[in-house]
Amino acid sequence: MLGNLNRDDRLRLMKFVCSFAWADLDVKEAERHFVSRLIDKLGLQGDREEILGWLRVPPPPEEVDPTRVSRGHRDLMLDAATKLFEADGEVGPEEAELLELLKQLLV
């Protein structure tokens, strides 16, 4: 499924993933590693600095509106969010709440 994404869609996915890392206002090292691995998996090495910048300062909310995610990419978005939240071995209450909200918005 990742192979079906064009570069803009892959960057959009990364922007969402990075915004999810901010759910509990604490971007953990395990989440940073997850993002770094996903950058490589998506072939976005040339955009690494821009993407990692979203872990230093979250993307503006208007740029990560889940209701604007295409139907074809919604499962991918939920899967990426779930894996990010599980990256540090625990899903905190803020993360669980955001994941539930995402499910409701994307279904």
C-alpha atoms as a PDB file:
ATOM      1  CA  MET A   1       0.000   0.000   0.000  1.00  0.00           C
ATOM      2  CA  LEU A   2       2.868   2.399   0.762  1.00  0.00           C
ATOM      3  CA  GLY A   3       4.110   1.875  -2.771  1.00  0.00           C
ATOM      4  CA  ASN A   4       0.910   3.417  -4.101  1.00  0.00           C
ATOM      5  CA  LEU A   5       1.647   6.783  -2.486  1.00  0.00           C
ATOM      6  CA  ASN A   6       3.203   9.577  -4.505  1.00  0.00           C
ATOM      7  CA  ARG A   7       5.789  11.836  -2.881  1.00  0.00           C
ATOM      8  CA  ASP A   8       3.223  14.431  -1.764  1.00  0.00           C
ATOM      9  CA  ASP A   9       1.087  11.725  -0.149  1.00  0.00           C
ATOM     10  CA  ARG A  10       4.135  10.245   1.598  1.00  0.00           C
ATOM     11  CA  LEU A  11       5.093  13.679   2.957  1.00  0.00           C
ATOM     12  CA  ARG A  12       1.505  14.263   4.069  1.00  0.00           C
ATOM     13  CA  LEU A  13       1.554  10.921   5.882  1.00  0.00           C
ATOM     14  CA  MET A  14       4.800  11.893   7.613  1.00  0.00           C
ATOM     15  CA  LYS A  15       3.340  15.240   8.645  1.00  0.00           C
ATOM     16  CA  PHE A  16       0.411  13.425  10.258  1.00  0.00           C
ATOM     17  CA  VAL A  17       2.690  10.877  11.931  1.00  0.00           C
ATOM     18  CA  CYS A  18       4.830  13.659  13.374  1.00  0.00           C
ATOM     19  CA  SER A  19       1.751  15.493  14.617  1.00  0.00           C
ATOM     20  CA  PHE A  20       0.605  12.267  16.326  1.00  0.00           C
ATOM     21  CA  ALA A  21       3.940  12.143  18.164  1.00  0.00           C
ATOM     22  CA  TRP A  22       2.885  15.385  19.864  1.00  0.00           C
ATOM     23  CA  ALA A  23      -0.348  13.858  21.266  1.00  0.00           C
ATOM     24  CA  ASP A  24       1.052  13.740  24.803  1.00  0.00           C
ATOM     25  CA  LEU A  25       3.240  16.857  24.263  1.00  0.00           C
ATOM     26  CA  ASP A  26       6.365  14.718  24.677  1.00  0.00           C
ATOM     27  CA  VAL A  27       8.068  13.304  21.591  1.00  0.00           C
ATOM     28  CA  LYS A  28       9.878  10.241  22.908  1.00  0.00           C
ATOM     29  CA  GLU A  29      13.087   8.766  21.531  1.00  0.00           C
ATOM     30  CA  ALA A  30      11.267   5.599  20.409  1.00  0.00           C
ATOM     31  CA  GLU A  31       8.861   7.769  18.420  1.00  0.00           C
ATOM     32  CA  ARG A  32      11.813   9.584  16.821  1.00  0.00           C
ATOM     33  CA  HIS A  33      13.274   6.209  15.813  1.00  0.00           C
ATOM     34  CA  PHE A  34       9.937   5.106  14.373  1.00  0.00           C
ATOM     35  CA  VAL A  35       9.753   8.299  12.293  1.00  0.00           C
ATOM     36  CA  SER A  36      13.327   7.837  11.105  1.00  0.00           C
ATOM     37  CA  ARG A  37      12.645   4.255  10.010  1.00  0.00           C
ATOM     38  CA  LEU A  38       9.460   5.334   8.245  1.00  0.00           C
ATOM     39  CA  ILE A  39      11.381   8.054   6.390  1.00  0.00           C
ATOM     40  CA  ASP A  40      13.688   5.347   5.040  1.00  0.00           C
ATOM     41  CA  LYS A  41      10.822   2.954   4.261  1.00  0.00           C
ATOM     42  CA  LEU A  42       9.020   5.688   2.307  1.00  0.00           C
ATOM     43  CA  GLY A  43      12.156   6.742   0.433  1.00  0.00           C
ATOM     44  CA  LEU A  44      12.059  10.274   1.808  1.00  0.00           C
ATOM     45  CA  GLN A  45      15.715  10.562   2.806  1.00  0.00           C
ATOM     46  CA  GLY A  46      16.005  13.848   0.886  1.00  0.00           C
ATOM     47  CA  ASP A  47      13.226  15.295   3.057  1.00  0.00           C
ATOM     48  CA  ARG A  48      14.612  13.980   6.365  1.00  0.00           C
ATOM     49  CA  GLU A  49      15.489  17.401   7.847  1.00  0.00           C
ATOM     50  CA  GLU A  50      12.081  18.874   7.042  1.00  0.00           C
ATOM     51  CA  ILE A  51      10.331  15.841   8.519  1.00  0.00           C
ATOM     52  CA  LEU A  52      12.482  15.753  11.652  1.00  0.00           C
ATOM     53  CA  GLY A  53      11.716  19.454  12.050  1.00  0.00           C
ATOM     54  CA  TRP A  54       8.075  18.469  12.618  1.00  0.00           C
ATOM     55  CA  LEU A  55       9.280  16.557  15.691  1.00  0.00           C
ATOM     56  CA  ARG A  56      10.910  19.740  17.025  1.00  0.00           C
ATOM     57  CA  VAL A  57       7.909  21.963  16.253  1.00  0.00           C
ATOM     58  CA  PRO A  58       4.569  20.342  15.439  1.00  0.00           C
ATOM     59  CA  PRO A  59       2.955  21.012  12.072  1.00  0.00           C
ATOM     60  CA  PRO A  60       0.197  23.631  12.168  1.00  0.00           C
ATOM     61  CA  PRO A  61      -3.195  22.048  12.954  1.00  0.00           C
ATOM     62  CA  GLU A  62      -4.739  23.251   9.700  1.00  0.00           C
ATOM     63  CA  GLU A  63      -2.157  21.185   7.807  1.00  0.00           C
ATOM     64  CA  VAL A  64      -3.108  17.924   9.541  1.00  0.00           C
ATOM     65  CA  ASP A  65      -6.872  17.785   9.274  1.00  0.00           C
ATOM     66  CA  PRO A  66      -7.765  14.067   9.289  1.00  0.00           C
ATOM     67  CA  THR A  67     -11.086  14.736   7.588  1.00  0.00           C
ATOM     68  CA  ARG A  68      -9.112  15.707   4.463  1.00  0.00           C
ATOM     69  CA  VAL A  69      -7.409  12.302   4.203  1.00  0.00           C
ATOM     70  CA  SER A  70      -8.593  10.457   1.120  1.00  0.00           C
ATOM     71  CA  ARG A  71     -10.646   7.313   1.695  1.00  0.00           C
ATOM     72  CA  GLY A  72      -7.943   5.205   0.113  1.00  0.00           C
ATOM     73  CA  HIS A  73      -5.335   6.355   2.636  1.00  0.00           C
ATOM     74  CA  ARG A  74      -7.365   6.224   5.841  1.00  0.00           C
ATOM     75  CA  ASP A  75      -6.376   2.686   6.859  1.00  0.00           C
ATOM     76  CA  LEU A  76      -2.746   3.559   6.225  1.00  0.00           C
ATOM     77  CA  MET A  77      -3.077   6.655   8.415  1.00  0.00           C
ATOM     78  CA  LEU A  78      -4.662   4.693  11.273  1.00  0.00           C
ATOM     79  CA  ASP A  79      -2.024   1.978  11.010  1.00  0.00           C
ATOM     80  CA  ALA A  80       0.808   4.529  11.121  1.00  0.00           C
ATOM     81  CA  ALA A  81      -0.762   6.311  14.113  1.00  0.00           C
ATOM     82  CA  THR A  82      -1.211   3.047  15.989  1.00  0.00           C
ATOM     83  CA  LYS A  83       2.381   1.955  15.358  1.00  0.00           C
ATOM     84  CA  LEU A  84       3.735   5.343  16.413  1.00  0.00           C
ATOM     85  CA  PHE A  85       1.732   5.314  19.647  1.00  0.00           C
ATOM     86  CA  GLU A  86       2.977   1.782  20.401  1.00  0.00           C
ATOM     87  CA  ALA A  87       6.612   2.598  19.536  1.00  0.00           C
ATOM     88  CA  ASP A  88       7.619   3.365  23.126  1.00  0.00           C
ATOM     89  CA  GLY A  89       5.879   0.314  24.559  1.00  0.00           C
ATOM     90  CA  GLU A  90       2.926   2.155  26.067  1.00  0.00           C
ATOM     91  CA  VAL A  91      -0.087   3.996  24.756  1.00  0.00           C
ATOM     92  CA  GLY A  92      -0.764   6.903  27.102  1.00  0.00           C
ATOM     93  CA  PRO A  93      -4.244   8.259  27.791  1.00  0.00           C
ATOM     94  CA  GLU A  94      -3.786  11.219  25.428  1.00  0.00           C
ATOM     95  CA  GLU A  95      -2.592   8.905  22.676  1.00  0.00           C
ATOM     96  CA  ALA A  96      -5.464   6.468  23.226  1.00  0.00           C
ATOM     97  CA  GLU A  97      -7.934   9.345  23.117  1.00  0.00           C
ATOM     98  CA  LEU A  98      -6.450  10.711  19.890  1.00  0.00           C
ATOM     99  CA  LEU A  99      -6.433   7.264  18.301  1.00  0.00           C
ATOM    100  CA  GLU A 100     -10.102   6.779  19.145  1.00  0.00           C
ATOM    101  CA  LEU A 101     -10.931  10.219  17.752  1.00  0.00           C
ATOM    102  CA  LEU A 102      -9.009   9.417  14.556  1.00  0.00           C
ATOM    103  CA  LYS A 103     -10.937   6.183  14.148  1.00  0.00           C
ATOM    104  CA  GLN A 104     -14.210   8.066  14.461  1.00  0.00           C
ATOM    105  CA  LEU A 105     -13.148  10.766  12.002  1.00  0.00           C
ATOM    106  CA  LEU A 106     -11.736   8.364   9.422  1.00  0.00           C
ATOM    107  CA  VAL A 107     -14.471   5.728   9.368  1.00  0.00           C
END
